[in-house]
Amino acid sequence: MSNSLDRLLDIMTRLRDPKDGCPWDVEQTFETIAPYTIEEAYEVADAIARNDLDDLRDELGDLLLQVVFHAQMAREAGHFAFNDVADAISDKMVRRHQHVFGDEDTEGTEHQRRAWEDQKADERRQKSRARGEDESALDGVPITLPALLRAEKLGKRAAQVGFDWQDPADVFAKIAEETEEVRQEIARDDHARLGEEIGDLLFACANLARKYAIDPESALHGANRRFEVRFRKLENHLKAQDRDPTSMPLEELEALWQAVKRELAEHKNTV
């Protein structure tokens, strides 16, 4: 294991060599590599969603390369090296799992989840104090997260200090309120305000998912996949009939859409 990792670290060192390395790799910075890091994380998630374990192995390698790349750039600048990254996460895992590595008793999954969240909150407070910043329950939620995922996390953080709906069903009232405000801005023809109200509506929907323990990002990914499968099948039906969707009435397209949905649902129930 260490030989494989040492080999990868050596490859990255050589790629970044100012004299004999790869010109593209040499000119990269944390900022230019960050988008690739995000992309590789999504490709890992995609391989998992497709249950393609061969692809997952390759995508995990690509993601590991991103960690090595960032660590190499940090080492060159005198900040830290890969071993510091590995030691930091090892220390964190031990610190957050005292029921495994320490003398705390295990009291079930829910107790451990709360202990984990308490530990993370304490670590965030310590970081805020070290930076001389005002503490907030929202500290540590990355602004670069996908907006829907960040909305869920912001709502979760606020809920941890009591700012939340008591009953999940109460969120429906908020969604109805935000929907009405969207309608009002459409009537006023205020495009800027309309964007804000649609954002508020999406935020409320993210919190509805949170209240029912649904990951909104995963839920939307699922909706995207279902739409794509259904739409491609609709296109195939039309191609088989040599028909152009742009010249068809919307009512007919909707009827075919519903038929495609039923067909896929019946197929799913028979496999």
C-alpha atoms as a PDB file:
ATOM      1  CA  MET A   1       0.000   0.000   0.000  1.00  0.00           C
ATOM      2  CA  SER A   2       2.678   2.483   0.986  1.00  0.00           C
ATOM      3  CA  ASN A   3       4.658   1.603  -2.151  1.00  0.00           C
ATOM      4  CA  SER A   4       1.647   2.449  -4.342  1.00  0.00           C
ATOM      5  CA  LEU A   5       1.115   5.753  -2.576  1.00  0.00           C
ATOM      6  CA  ASP A   6       4.814   6.598  -2.614  1.00  0.00           C
ATOM      7  CA  ARG A   7       4.821   5.936  -6.352  1.00  0.00           C
ATOM      8  CA  LEU A   8       1.929   8.337  -6.877  1.00  0.00           C
ATOM      9  CA  LEU A   9       3.576  11.008  -4.732  1.00  0.00           C
ATOM     10  CA  ASP A  10       6.806  10.611  -6.710  1.00  0.00           C
ATOM     11  CA  ILE A  11       4.929  10.896 -10.018  1.00  0.00           C
ATOM     12  CA  MET A  12       3.324  14.152  -8.897  1.00  0.00           C
ATOM     13  CA  THR A  13       6.665  15.521  -7.701  1.00  0.00           C
ATOM     14  CA  ARG A  14       8.176  14.823 -11.116  1.00  0.00           C
ATOM     15  CA  LEU A  15       5.189  16.279 -12.965  1.00  0.00           C
ATOM     16  CA  ARG A  16       5.573  19.508 -10.983  1.00  0.00           C
ATOM     17  CA  ASP A  17       9.338  19.758 -11.479  1.00  0.00           C
ATOM     18  CA  PRO A  18       9.976  23.273 -12.861  1.00  0.00           C
ATOM     19  CA  LYS A  19      12.740  22.057 -15.167  1.00  0.00           C
ATOM     20  CA  ASP A  20      11.806  18.573 -16.350  1.00  0.00           C
ATOM     21  CA  GLY A  21       8.140  18.324 -15.424  1.00  0.00           C
ATOM     22  CA  CYS A  22       4.952  18.728 -17.445  1.00  0.00           C
ATOM     23  CA  PRO A  23       4.402  22.392 -18.415  1.00  0.00           C
ATOM     24  CA  TRP A  24       0.643  22.152 -17.801  1.00  0.00           C
ATOM     25  CA  ASP A  25       1.035  20.608 -14.342  1.00  0.00           C
ATOM     26  CA  VAL A  26       3.734  23.110 -13.381  1.00  0.00           C
ATOM     27  CA  GLU A  27       1.592  26.154 -14.139  1.00  0.00           C
ATOM     28  CA  GLN A  28      -1.436  24.978 -12.113  1.00  0.00           C
ATOM     29  CA  THR A  29      -2.509  26.602  -8.839  1.00  0.00           C
ATOM     30  CA  PHE A  30      -4.972  25.730  -6.068  1.00  0.00           C
ATOM     31  CA  GLU A  31      -7.545  27.910  -7.828  1.00  0.00           C
ATOM     32  CA  THR A  32      -7.140  26.296 -11.241  1.00  0.00           C
ATOM     33  CA  ILE A  33      -7.193  22.751  -9.861  1.00  0.00           C
ATOM     34  CA  ALA A  34     -10.187  23.250  -7.539  1.00  0.00           C
ATOM     35  CA  PRO A  35     -12.800  22.822 -10.335  1.00  0.00           C
ATOM     36  CA  TYR A  36     -11.226  19.505 -11.314  1.00  0.00           C
ATOM     37  CA  THR A  37     -11.377  18.364  -7.688  1.00  0.00           C
ATOM     38  CA  ILE A  38     -15.109  19.080  -7.581  1.00  0.00           C
ATOM     39  CA  GLU A  39     -15.642  17.389 -10.936  1.00  0.00           C
ATOM     40  CA  GLU A  40     -13.808  14.242  -9.835  1.00  0.00           C
ATOM     41  CA  ALA A  41     -15.919  14.026  -6.658  1.00  0.00           C
ATOM     42  CA  TYR A  42     -19.051  14.123  -8.808  1.00  0.00           C
ATOM     43  CA  GLU A  43     -17.659  11.426 -11.073  1.00  0.00           C
ATOM     44  CA  VAL A  44     -17.116   9.214  -8.011  1.00  0.00           C
ATOM     45  CA  ALA A  45     -20.759   9.767  -7.064  1.00  0.00           C
ATOM     46  CA  ASP A  46     -21.832   9.002 -10.632  1.00  0.00           C
ATOM     47  CA  ALA A  47     -19.957   5.674 -10.653  1.00  0.00           C
ATOM     48  CA  ILE A  48     -21.644   4.755  -7.371  1.00  0.00           C
ATOM     49  CA  ALA A  49     -25.068   5.686  -8.750  1.00  0.00           C
ATOM     50  CA  ARG A  50     -24.421   3.451 -11.775  1.00  0.00           C
ATOM     51  CA  ASN A  51     -23.086   0.673  -9.535  1.00  0.00           C
ATOM     52  CA  ASP A  52     -20.021   0.471 -11.786  1.00  0.00           C
ATOM     53  CA  LEU A  53     -17.315  -0.713  -9.413  1.00  0.00           C
ATOM     54  CA  ASP A  54     -14.602  -0.852 -12.072  1.00  0.00           C
ATOM     55  CA  ASP A  55     -15.304   2.767 -12.907  1.00  0.00           C
ATOM     56  CA  LEU A  56     -15.495   3.595  -9.198  1.00  0.00           C
ATOM     57  CA  ARG A  57     -11.968   2.274  -8.724  1.00  0.00           C
ATOM     58  CA  ASP A  58     -10.714   4.537 -11.514  1.00  0.00           C
ATOM     59  CA  GLU A  59     -12.655   7.574 -10.328  1.00  0.00           C
ATOM     60  CA  LEU A  60     -11.406   7.161  -6.759  1.00  0.00           C
ATOM     61  CA  GLY A  61      -7.909   7.171  -8.210  1.00  0.00           C
ATOM     62  CA  ASP A  62      -8.654  10.415 -10.035  1.00  0.00           C
ATOM     63  CA  LEU A  63      -9.965  11.917  -6.801  1.00  0.00           C
ATOM     64  CA  LEU A  64      -6.894  10.754  -4.888  1.00  0.00           C
ATOM     65  CA  LEU A  65      -4.744  12.425  -7.521  1.00  0.00           C
ATOM     66  CA  GLN A  66      -6.485  15.702  -6.722  1.00  0.00           C
ATOM     67  CA  VAL A  67      -5.510  15.366  -3.043  1.00  0.00           C
ATOM     68  CA  VAL A  68      -1.938  14.580  -4.013  1.00  0.00           C
ATOM     69  CA  PHE A  69      -1.865  17.511  -6.444  1.00  0.00           C
ATOM     70  CA  HIS A  70      -3.016  20.018  -3.815  1.00  0.00           C
ATOM     71  CA  ALA A  71      -0.656  18.578  -1.220  1.00  0.00           C
ATOM     72  CA  GLN A  72       2.296  18.838  -3.625  1.00  0.00           C
ATOM     73  CA  MET A  73       1.553  22.487  -4.362  1.00  0.00           C
ATOM     74  CA  ALA A  74       1.257  23.199  -0.632  1.00  0.00           C
ATOM     75  CA  ARG A  75       4.578  21.415   0.031  1.00  0.00           C
ATOM     76  CA  GLU A  76       6.313  23.501  -2.633  1.00  0.00           C
ATOM     77  CA  ALA A  77       5.002  26.664  -0.969  1.00  0.00           C
ATOM     78  CA  GLY A  78       6.180  25.474   2.464  1.00  0.00           C
ATOM     79  CA  HIS A  79       2.695  25.096   3.972  1.00  0.00           C
ATOM     80  CA  PHE A  80       2.205  21.353   4.462  1.00  0.00           C
ATOM     81  CA  ALA A  81       2.775  18.005   2.730  1.00  0.00           C
ATOM     82  CA  PHE A  82       0.698  14.914   1.998  1.00  0.00           C
ATOM     83  CA  ASN A  83       1.677  13.249   5.273  1.00  0.00           C
ATOM     84  CA  ASP A  84       0.357  16.282   7.153  1.00  0.00           C
ATOM     85  CA  VAL A  85      -2.968  15.871   5.354  1.00  0.00           C
ATOM     86  CA  ALA A  86      -3.110  12.174   6.242  1.00  0.00           C
ATOM     87  CA  ASP A  87      -2.120  12.855   9.866  1.00  0.00           C
ATOM     88  CA  ALA A  88      -4.732  15.592  10.192  1.00  0.00           C
ATOM     89  CA  ILE A  89      -7.611  13.376   9.037  1.00  0.00           C
ATOM     90  CA  SER A  90      -6.332  10.484  11.152  1.00  0.00           C
ATOM     91  CA  ASP A  91      -6.268  12.696  14.245  1.00  0.00           C
ATOM     92  CA  LYS A  92      -9.753  13.960  13.436  1.00  0.00           C
ATOM     93  CA  MET A  93     -11.179  10.448  13.026  1.00  0.00           C
ATOM     94  CA  VAL A  94      -9.715   9.342  16.354  1.00  0.00           C
ATOM     95  CA  ARG A  95     -10.965  12.498  18.057  1.00  0.00           C
ATOM     96  CA  ARG A  96     -14.487  12.016  16.704  1.00  0.00           C
ATOM     97  CA  HIS A  97     -14.666   8.298  17.500  1.00  0.00           C
ATOM     98  CA  GLN A  98     -13.792   8.097  21.170  1.00  0.00           C
ATOM     99  CA  HIS A  99     -16.230   5.192  21.522  1.00  0.00           C
ATOM    100  CA  VAL A 100     -13.801   3.238  19.289  1.00  0.00           C
ATOM    101  CA  PHE A 101     -10.391   4.693  20.103  1.00  0.00           C
ATOM    102  CA  GLY A 102     -11.059   6.107  23.578  1.00  0.00           C
ATOM    103  CA  ASP A 103     -12.957   5.189  26.703  1.00  0.00           C
ATOM    104  CA  GLU A 104     -16.436   6.499  25.798  1.00  0.00           C
ATOM    105  CA  ASP A 105     -19.318   4.021  25.852  1.00  0.00           C
ATOM    106  CA  THR A 106     -21.345   3.410  22.704  1.00  0.00           C
ATOM    107  CA  GLU A 107     -25.017   4.232  23.189  1.00  0.00           C
ATOM    108  CA  GLY A 108     -26.338   3.579  19.716  1.00  0.00           C
ATOM    109  CA  THR A 109     -26.192   5.242  16.311  1.00  0.00           C
ATOM    110  CA  GLU A 110     -28.269   8.297  17.235  1.00  0.00           C
ATOM    111  CA  HIS A 111     -26.102   9.046  20.280  1.00  0.00           C
ATOM    112  CA  GLN A 112     -22.997   8.735  18.130  1.00  0.00           C
ATOM    113  CA  ARG A 113     -24.479  11.040  15.475  1.00  0.00           C
ATOM    114  CA  ARG A 114     -25.160  13.726  18.088  1.00  0.00           C
ATOM    115  CA  ALA A 115     -21.684  13.306  19.558  1.00  0.00           C
ATOM    116  CA  TRP A 116     -20.193  13.639  16.058  1.00  0.00           C
ATOM    117  CA  GLU A 117     -22.145  16.851  15.425  1.00  0.00           C
ATOM    118  CA  ASP A 118     -21.173  18.241  18.836  1.00  0.00           C
ATOM    119  CA  GLN A 119     -17.520  17.531  18.144  1.00  0.00           C
ATOM    120  CA  LYS A 120     -17.697  19.202  14.729  1.00  0.00           C
ATOM    121  CA  ALA A 121     -19.431  22.241  16.244  1.00  0.00           C
ATOM    122  CA  ASP A 122     -16.721  22.509  18.900  1.00  0.00           C
ATOM    123  CA  GLU A 123     -14.025  22.336  16.219  1.00  0.00           C
ATOM    124  CA  ARG A 124     -15.756  25.107  14.252  1.00  0.00           C
ATOM    125  CA  ARG A 125     -15.933  27.295  17.368  1.00  0.00           C
ATOM    126  CA  GLN A 126     -12.238  26.791  18.005  1.00  0.00           C
ATOM    127  CA  LYS A 127     -11.417  27.776  14.409  1.00  0.00           C
ATOM    128  CA  SER A 128     -13.557  30.915  14.648  1.00  0.00           C
ATOM    129  CA  ARG A 129     -11.862  31.923  17.902  1.00  0.00           C
ATOM    130  CA  ALA A 130      -8.424  31.302  16.431  1.00  0.00           C
ATOM    131  CA  ARG A 131      -9.293  33.617  13.514  1.00  0.00           C
ATOM    132  CA  GLY A 132     -10.764  36.220  15.843  1.00  0.00           C
ATOM    133  CA  GLU A 133     -14.172  35.958  14.126  1.00  0.00           C
ATOM    134  CA  ASP A 134     -17.647  36.100  15.601  1.00  0.00           C
ATOM    135  CA  GLU A 135     -19.021  32.600  16.080  1.00  0.00           C
ATOM    136  CA  SER A 136     -22.060  31.474  14.141  1.00  0.00           C
ATOM    137  CA  ALA A 137     -24.022  28.246  13.869  1.00  0.00           C
ATOM    138  CA  LEU A 138     -23.517  28.597  10.114  1.00  0.00           C
ATOM    139  CA  ASP A 139     -19.703  28.560  10.292  1.00  0.00           C
ATOM    140  CA  GLY A 140     -18.022  25.993   8.088  1.00  0.00           C
ATOM    141  CA  VAL A 141     -20.732  25.584   5.438  1.00  0.00           C
ATOM    142  CA  PRO A 142     -18.676  26.040   2.235  1.00  0.00           C
ATOM    143  CA  ILE A 143     -20.005  28.715  -0.089  1.00  0.00           C
ATOM    144  CA  THR A 144     -18.813  26.628  -3.046  1.00  0.00           C
ATOM    145  CA  LEU A 145     -21.232  23.768  -2.340  1.00  0.00           C
ATOM    146  CA  PRO A 146     -23.985  23.189  -4.905  1.00  0.00           C
ATOM    147  CA  ALA A 147     -26.730  25.658  -3.970  1.00  0.00           C
ATOM    148  CA  LEU A 148     -29.366  23.028  -3.175  1.00  0.00           C
ATOM    149  CA  LEU A 149     -27.006  21.053  -0.947  1.00  0.00           C
ATOM    150  CA  ARG A 150     -25.859  24.243   0.787  1.00  0.00           C
ATOM    151  CA  ALA A 151     -29.485  25.228   1.434  1.00  0.00           C
ATOM    152  CA  GLU A 152     -30.063  21.901   3.176  1.00  0.00           C
ATOM    153  CA  LYS A 153     -26.931  22.297   5.293  1.00  0.00           C
ATOM    154  CA  LEU A 154     -27.746  25.887   6.269  1.00  0.00           C
ATOM    155  CA  GLY A 155     -31.222  24.802   7.354  1.00  0.00           C
ATOM    156  CA  LYS A 156     -29.751  21.922   9.331  1.00  0.00           C
ATOM    157  CA  ARG A 157     -27.301  24.206  11.133  1.00  0.00           C
ATOM    158  CA  ALA A 158     -30.053  26.675  12.036  1.00  0.00           C
ATOM    159  CA  ALA A 159     -32.188  23.780  13.292  1.00  0.00           C
ATOM    160  CA  GLN A 160     -29.416  22.703  15.664  1.00  0.00           C
ATOM    161  CA  VAL A 161     -29.909  25.925  17.632  1.00  0.00           C
ATOM    162  CA  GLY A 162     -33.716  25.688  17.592  1.00  0.00           C
ATOM    163  CA  PHE A 163     -34.535  27.756  14.494  1.00  0.00           C
ATOM    164  CA  ASP A 164     -36.741  25.215  12.735  1.00  0.00           C
ATOM    165  CA  TRP A 165     -40.299  24.075  12.152  1.00  0.00           C
ATOM    166  CA  GLN A 166     -41.623  21.766  14.867  1.00  0.00           C
ATOM    167  CA  ASP A 167     -43.701  19.684  12.473  1.00  0.00           C
ATOM    168  CA  PRO A 168     -42.371  18.743   9.024  1.00  0.00           C
ATOM    169  CA  ALA A 169     -45.845  19.338   7.605  1.00  0.00           C
ATOM    170  CA  ASP A 170     -45.508  23.019   8.570  1.00  0.00           C
ATOM    171  CA  VAL A 171     -42.985  23.448   5.777  1.00  0.00           C
ATOM    172  CA  PHE A 172     -45.822  23.028   3.271  1.00  0.00           C
ATOM    173  CA  ALA A 173     -47.306  26.298   4.519  1.00  0.00           C
ATOM    174  CA  LYS A 174     -43.975  28.009   3.856  1.00  0.00           C
ATOM    175  CA  ILE A 175     -43.833  26.511   0.367  1.00  0.00           C
ATOM    176  CA  ALA A 176     -47.389  27.751  -0.300  1.00  0.00           C
ATOM    177  CA  GLU A 177     -46.393  31.213   0.969  1.00  0.00           C
ATOM    178  CA  GLU A 178     -43.314  31.335  -1.256  1.00  0.00           C
ATOM    179  CA  THR A 179     -45.305  30.058  -4.254  1.00  0.00           C
ATOM    180  CA  GLU A 180     -47.820  32.870  -3.818  1.00  0.00           C
ATOM    181  CA  GLU A 181     -45.001  35.414  -3.636  1.00  0.00           C
ATOM    182  CA  VAL A 182     -43.614  34.027  -6.901  1.00  0.00           C
ATOM    183  CA  ARG A 183     -47.037  34.542  -8.499  1.00  0.00           C
ATOM    184  CA  GLN A 184     -47.160  38.115  -7.211  1.00  0.00           C
ATOM    185  CA  GLU A 185     -43.770  38.998  -8.711  1.00  0.00           C
ATOM    186  CA  ILE A 186     -44.795  37.458 -12.037  1.00  0.00           C
ATOM    187  CA  ALA A 187     -47.868  39.693 -11.988  1.00  0.00           C
ATOM    188  CA  ARG A 188     -45.695  42.745 -11.160  1.00  0.00           C
ATOM    189  CA  ASP A 189     -43.256  41.780 -13.935  1.00  0.00           C
ATOM    190  CA  ASP A 190     -40.323  42.433 -11.586  1.00  0.00           C
ATOM    191  CA  HIS A 191     -37.636  40.084 -12.908  1.00  0.00           C
ATOM    192  CA  ALA A 192     -35.076  40.760 -10.168  1.00  0.00           C
ATOM    193  CA  ARG A 193     -37.604  40.175  -7.391  1.00  0.00           C
ATOM    194  CA  LEU A 194     -38.934  37.119  -9.197  1.00  0.00           C
ATOM    195  CA  GLY A 195     -35.461  35.575  -9.077  1.00  0.00           C
ATOM    196  CA  GLU A 196     -35.289  36.205  -5.342  1.00  0.00           C
ATOM    197  CA  GLU A 197     -38.701  34.659  -4.697  1.00  0.00           C
ATOM    198  CA  ILE A 198     -37.947  31.584  -6.793  1.00  0.00           C
ATOM    199  CA  GLY A 199     -34.753  31.228  -4.747  1.00  0.00           C
ATOM    200  CA  ASP A 200     -36.796  31.414  -1.539  1.00  0.00           C
ATOM    201  CA  LEU A 201     -39.156  28.755  -2.899  1.00  0.00           C
ATOM    202  CA  LEU A 202     -36.231  26.438  -3.717  1.00  0.00           C
ATOM    203  CA  PHE A 203     -34.780  27.056  -0.246  1.00  0.00           C
ATOM    204  CA  ALA A 204     -38.098  26.057   1.328  1.00  0.00           C
ATOM    205  CA  CYS A 205     -38.215  22.888  -0.805  1.00  0.00           C
ATOM    206  CA  ALA A 206     -34.688  21.995   0.337  1.00  0.00           C
ATOM    207  CA  ASN A 207     -35.841  22.312   3.930  1.00  0.00           C
ATOM    208  CA  LEU A 208     -38.879  20.136   3.246  1.00  0.00           C
ATOM    209  CA  ALA A 209     -36.492  17.422   2.050  1.00  0.00           C
ATOM    210  CA  ARG A 210     -34.339  17.915   5.159  1.00  0.00           C
ATOM    211  CA  LYS A 211     -37.311  17.546   7.482  1.00  0.00           C
ATOM    212  CA  TYR A 212     -38.120  14.191   5.915  1.00  0.00           C
ATOM    213  CA  ALA A 213     -34.456  13.039   5.931  1.00  0.00           C
ATOM    214  CA  ILE A 214     -34.171  13.253   2.133  1.00  0.00           C
ATOM    215  CA  ASP A 215     -30.969  14.551   0.562  1.00  0.00           C
ATOM    216  CA  PRO A 216     -32.317  17.260  -1.795  1.00  0.00           C
ATOM    217  CA  GLU A 217     -29.276  17.085  -4.076  1.00  0.00           C
ATOM    218  CA  SER A 218     -29.720  13.333  -4.532  1.00  0.00           C
ATOM    219  CA  ALA A 219     -33.469  13.778  -4.977  1.00  0.00           C
ATOM    220  CA  LEU A 220     -32.918  16.294  -7.771  1.00  0.00           C
ATOM    221  CA  HIS A 221     -30.260  14.087  -9.375  1.00  0.00           C
ATOM    222  CA  GLY A 222     -32.854  11.306  -9.375  1.00  0.00           C
ATOM    223  CA  ALA A 223     -35.451  13.579 -10.943  1.00  0.00           C
ATOM    224  CA  ASN A 224     -32.932  14.591 -13.608  1.00  0.00           C
ATOM    225  CA  ARG A 225     -32.194  10.941 -14.410  1.00  0.00           C
ATOM    226  CA  ARG A 226     -35.877  10.041 -14.623  1.00  0.00           C
ATOM    227  CA  PHE A 227     -36.587  12.995 -16.888  1.00  0.00           C
ATOM    228  CA  GLU A 228     -33.686  12.109 -19.179  1.00  0.00           C
ATOM    229  CA  VAL A 229     -34.704   8.442 -19.469  1.00  0.00           C
ATOM    230  CA  ARG A 230     -38.334   9.357 -20.138  1.00  0.00           C
ATOM    231  CA  PHE A 231     -37.522  12.098 -22.626  1.00  0.00           C
ATOM    232  CA  ARG A 232     -35.109   9.908 -24.584  1.00  0.00           C
ATOM    233  CA  LYS A 233     -37.757   7.199 -24.772  1.00  0.00           C
ATOM    234  CA  LEU A 234     -40.319   9.739 -25.942  1.00  0.00           C
ATOM    235  CA  GLU A 235     -37.882  10.811 -28.662  1.00  0.00           C
ATOM    236  CA  ASN A 236     -37.396   7.185 -29.711  1.00  0.00           C
ATOM    237  CA  HIS A 237     -41.160   6.693 -29.985  1.00  0.00           C
ATOM    238  CA  LEU A 238     -41.436   9.759 -32.197  1.00  0.00           C
ATOM    239  CA  LYS A 239     -38.484   8.716 -34.374  1.00  0.00           C
ATOM    240  CA  ALA A 240     -40.066   5.284 -34.889  1.00  0.00           C
ATOM    241  CA  GLN A 241     -43.211   7.069 -36.116  1.00  0.00           C
ATOM    242  CA  ASP A 242     -41.160   9.546 -38.187  1.00  0.00           C
ATOM    243  CA  ARG A 243     -42.753  12.453 -36.334  1.00  0.00           C
ATOM    244  CA  ASP A 244     -41.324  15.851 -35.419  1.00  0.00           C
ATOM    245  CA  PRO A 245     -42.118  16.976 -31.849  1.00  0.00           C
ATOM    246  CA  THR A 246     -41.866  20.652 -32.840  1.00  0.00           C
ATOM    247  CA  SER A 247     -44.907  20.256 -35.095  1.00  0.00           C
ATOM    248  CA  MET A 248     -47.074  18.350 -32.597  1.00  0.00           C
ATOM    249  CA  PRO A 249     -49.688  19.853 -30.247  1.00  0.00           C
ATOM    250  CA  LEU A 250     -48.531  20.053 -26.638  1.00  0.00           C
ATOM    251  CA  GLU A 251     -51.550  18.003 -25.535  1.00  0.00           C
ATOM    252  CA  GLU A 252     -50.443  15.119 -27.745  1.00  0.00           C
ATOM    253  CA  LEU A 253     -46.876  15.316 -26.474  1.00  0.00           C
ATOM    254  CA  GLU A 254     -48.138  15.297 -22.882  1.00  0.00           C
ATOM    255  CA  ALA A 255     -50.293  12.226 -23.592  1.00  0.00           C
ATOM    256  CA  LEU A 256     -47.277  10.420 -25.043  1.00  0.00           C
ATOM    257  CA  TRP A 257     -45.180  11.544 -22.042  1.00  0.00           C
ATOM    258  CA  GLN A 258     -47.683   9.994 -19.641  1.00  0.00           C
ATOM    259  CA  ALA A 259     -47.735   6.792 -21.711  1.00  0.00           C
ATOM    260  CA  VAL A 260     -43.920   6.621 -21.557  1.00  0.00           C
ATOM    261  CA  LYS A 261     -44.023   7.061 -17.777  1.00  0.00           C
ATOM    262  CA  ARG A 262     -46.529   4.209 -17.434  1.00  0.00           C
ATOM    263  CA  GLU A 263     -44.488   1.998 -19.740  1.00  0.00           C
ATOM    264  CA  LEU A 264     -41.285   2.561 -17.763  1.00  0.00           C
ATOM    265  CA  ALA A 265     -43.079   2.040 -14.448  1.00  0.00           C
ATOM    266  CA  GLU A 266     -44.563  -1.267 -15.662  1.00  0.00           C
ATOM    267  CA  HIS A 267     -41.153  -2.388 -16.923  1.00  0.00           C
ATOM    268  CA  LYS A 268     -39.566  -1.492 -13.579  1.00  0.00           C
ATOM    269  CA  ASN A 269     -42.161  -3.591 -11.746  1.00  0.00           C
ATOM    270  CA  THR A 270     -41.467  -6.628 -13.931  1.00  0.00           C
ATOM    271  CA  VAL A 271     -37.657  -6.732 -13.629  1.00  0.00           C
END
